[in-house]
N, C-alpha and C. Protein backbone atom coordinates (compact mmCIF):
# COMPACT_ATOMS: atom_id res chain seq x y z
N MET A 1 16.25 27.13 -0.45
CA MET A 1 15.78 26.04 -1.25
C MET A 1 15.49 24.83 -0.33
N ALA A 2 14.43 24.08 -0.64
CA ALA A 2 14.05 22.93 0.16
C ALA A 2 14.99 21.74 -0.13
N ARG A 3 15.21 20.96 0.90
CA ARG A 3 16.05 19.78 0.72
C ARG A 3 15.22 18.63 0.17
N MET A 4 15.84 17.81 -0.62
CA MET A 4 15.18 16.63 -1.16
C MET A 4 15.22 15.53 -0.10
N THR A 5 14.11 14.80 0.02
CA THR A 5 14.05 13.66 0.92
C THR A 5 14.55 12.43 0.18
N LYS A 6 15.44 11.72 0.81
CA LYS A 6 15.97 10.50 0.21
C LYS A 6 14.90 9.42 0.24
N HIS A 7 14.89 8.57 -0.78
CA HIS A 7 13.90 7.49 -0.86
C HIS A 7 13.95 6.59 0.37
N ARG A 8 15.14 6.31 0.85
CA ARG A 8 15.29 5.42 2.00
C ARG A 8 14.75 6.02 3.31
N ASP A 9 14.54 7.35 3.33
CA ASP A 9 14.05 8.02 4.53
C ASP A 9 12.53 8.12 4.59
N LEU A 10 11.84 7.69 3.54
CA LEU A 10 10.37 7.78 3.51
C LEU A 10 9.76 6.66 4.35
N PRO A 11 8.55 6.87 4.92
CA PRO A 11 7.89 5.82 5.69
C PRO A 11 7.61 4.60 4.82
N GLN A 12 7.55 3.45 5.46
CA GLN A 12 7.38 2.20 4.73
C GLN A 12 6.33 1.33 5.43
N LYS A 13 5.59 0.55 4.64
CA LYS A 13 4.62 -0.42 5.15
C LYS A 13 4.81 -1.73 4.40
N ILE A 14 4.22 -2.80 4.92
CA ILE A 14 4.24 -4.11 4.25
C ILE A 14 2.85 -4.39 3.72
N CYS A 15 2.75 -4.77 2.45
CA CYS A 15 1.46 -5.09 1.84
C CYS A 15 0.97 -6.43 2.38
N PRO A 16 -0.28 -6.49 2.89
CA PRO A 16 -0.79 -7.75 3.45
C PRO A 16 -1.10 -8.80 2.38
N CYS A 17 -1.15 -8.41 1.13
CA CYS A 17 -1.46 -9.34 0.05
C CYS A 17 -0.20 -10.01 -0.49
N CYS A 18 0.78 -9.22 -0.91
CA CYS A 18 1.99 -9.76 -1.54
C CYS A 18 3.18 -9.82 -0.57
N HIS A 19 3.02 -9.23 0.62
CA HIS A 19 4.05 -9.23 1.67
C HIS A 19 5.34 -8.52 1.25
N ARG A 20 5.22 -7.57 0.33
CA ARG A 20 6.37 -6.78 -0.08
C ARG A 20 6.31 -5.40 0.57
N PRO A 21 7.46 -4.82 0.85
CA PRO A 21 7.46 -3.46 1.41
C PRO A 21 7.13 -2.43 0.33
N PHE A 22 6.43 -1.38 0.72
CA PHE A 22 6.19 -0.27 -0.19
C PHE A 22 6.33 1.03 0.60
N ARG A 23 6.71 2.06 -0.08
CA ARG A 23 7.00 3.35 0.57
C ARG A 23 5.93 4.40 0.27
N TRP A 24 5.96 5.42 1.10
CA TRP A 24 5.06 6.56 0.99
C TRP A 24 5.16 7.18 -0.38
N ARG A 25 4.00 7.61 -0.91
CA ARG A 25 3.95 8.34 -2.18
C ARG A 25 3.26 9.66 -1.94
N LYS A 26 3.62 10.64 -2.71
CA LYS A 26 3.05 11.98 -2.53
C LYS A 26 1.52 11.96 -2.66
N LYS A 27 0.99 11.14 -3.57
CA LYS A 27 -0.46 11.10 -3.75
C LYS A 27 -1.17 10.50 -2.53
N TRP A 28 -0.44 9.81 -1.66
CA TRP A 28 -1.03 9.23 -0.44
C TRP A 28 -0.80 10.13 0.77
N ALA A 29 -0.31 11.33 0.59
CA ALA A 29 0.07 12.20 1.72
C ALA A 29 -1.07 12.40 2.72
N ARG A 30 -2.28 12.61 2.25
CA ARG A 30 -3.41 12.86 3.15
C ARG A 30 -4.02 11.60 3.73
N ILE A 31 -3.82 10.47 3.08
CA ILE A 31 -4.49 9.23 3.53
C ILE A 31 -3.50 8.13 3.89
N TRP A 32 -2.26 8.45 4.20
CA TRP A 32 -1.24 7.45 4.45
C TRP A 32 -1.66 6.44 5.53
N GLU A 33 -2.35 6.89 6.56
CA GLU A 33 -2.79 6.00 7.64
C GLU A 33 -3.79 4.96 7.14
N GLU A 34 -4.54 5.28 6.09
CA GLU A 34 -5.56 4.38 5.55
C GLU A 34 -5.03 3.44 4.47
N VAL A 35 -3.87 3.73 3.91
CA VAL A 35 -3.31 2.92 2.82
C VAL A 35 -2.88 1.58 3.38
N ARG A 36 -3.38 0.49 2.77
CA ARG A 36 -3.04 -0.87 3.22
C ARG A 36 -2.31 -1.68 2.17
N TYR A 37 -2.62 -1.45 0.91
CA TYR A 37 -2.07 -2.26 -0.18
C TYR A 37 -1.11 -1.46 -1.03
N CYS A 38 -0.14 -2.13 -1.63
CA CYS A 38 0.88 -1.45 -2.42
C CYS A 38 0.38 -1.05 -3.79
N SER A 39 -0.66 -1.72 -4.28
CA SER A 39 -1.14 -1.42 -5.64
C SER A 39 -2.62 -1.76 -5.75
N GLU A 40 -3.21 -1.30 -6.83
CA GLU A 40 -4.60 -1.60 -7.12
C GLU A 40 -4.78 -3.10 -7.35
N LYS A 41 -3.81 -3.73 -7.96
CA LYS A 41 -3.87 -5.17 -8.22
C LYS A 41 -3.96 -5.95 -6.91
N CYS A 42 -3.15 -5.60 -5.92
CA CYS A 42 -3.20 -6.28 -4.63
C CYS A 42 -4.53 -6.01 -3.92
N ARG A 43 -5.01 -4.80 -4.00
CA ARG A 43 -6.28 -4.47 -3.36
C ARG A 43 -7.42 -5.29 -3.96
N ARG A 44 -7.44 -5.40 -5.28
CA ARG A 44 -8.48 -6.17 -5.96
C ARG A 44 -8.37 -7.66 -5.69
N SER A 45 -7.17 -8.20 -5.73
CA SER A 45 -7.00 -9.64 -5.53
C SER A 45 -7.35 -10.03 -4.10
N ARG A 46 -7.11 -9.15 -3.14
CA ARG A 46 -7.47 -9.43 -1.75
C ARG A 46 -8.99 -9.47 -1.60
N ALA A 47 -9.70 -8.54 -2.25
CA ALA A 47 -11.15 -8.50 -2.19
C ALA A 47 -11.76 -9.72 -2.85
N GLU A 48 -11.18 -10.17 -3.96
CA GLU A 48 -11.67 -11.37 -4.65
C GLU A 48 -11.46 -12.60 -3.79
N GLY A 49 -10.35 -12.66 -3.09
CA GLY A 49 -10.06 -13.79 -2.22
C GLY A 49 -11.07 -13.92 -1.10
N ARG A 50 -11.51 -12.82 -0.57
CA ARG A 50 -12.52 -12.84 0.50
C ARG A 50 -13.86 -13.33 -0.04
N ARG A 51 -14.22 -12.93 -1.26
CA ARG A 51 -15.48 -13.38 -1.85
C ARG A 51 -15.46 -14.89 -2.08
N ASP A 52 -14.31 -15.41 -2.56
CA ASP A 52 -14.20 -16.85 -2.80
C ASP A 52 -14.29 -17.62 -1.48
N ALA A 53 -13.69 -17.11 -0.44
CA ALA A 53 -13.72 -17.78 0.85
C ALA A 53 -15.14 -17.79 1.44
N ALA A 54 -15.92 -16.78 1.10
CA ALA A 54 -17.28 -16.69 1.63
C ALA A 54 -18.23 -17.61 0.86
N GLY A 55 -17.75 -18.20 -0.23
CA GLY A 55 -18.58 -19.14 -1.01
C GLY A 55 -19.50 -18.49 -2.00
N ARG A 56 -19.16 -17.29 -2.42
CA ARG A 56 -20.00 -16.57 -3.40
C ARG A 56 -19.48 -16.75 -4.79
């Protein structure tokens, strides 16, 4: 039987938008290196912030 991985043993990153730590999720297994934001809300708010700074 396979061993369960403890939550504390999973890889972790810091979200550049909210500055909170977030951990690896199974749905991100193939793209973990590309994941930057902890949630869709952070990803969207970061994109909106760039548009506002550009004066659009």
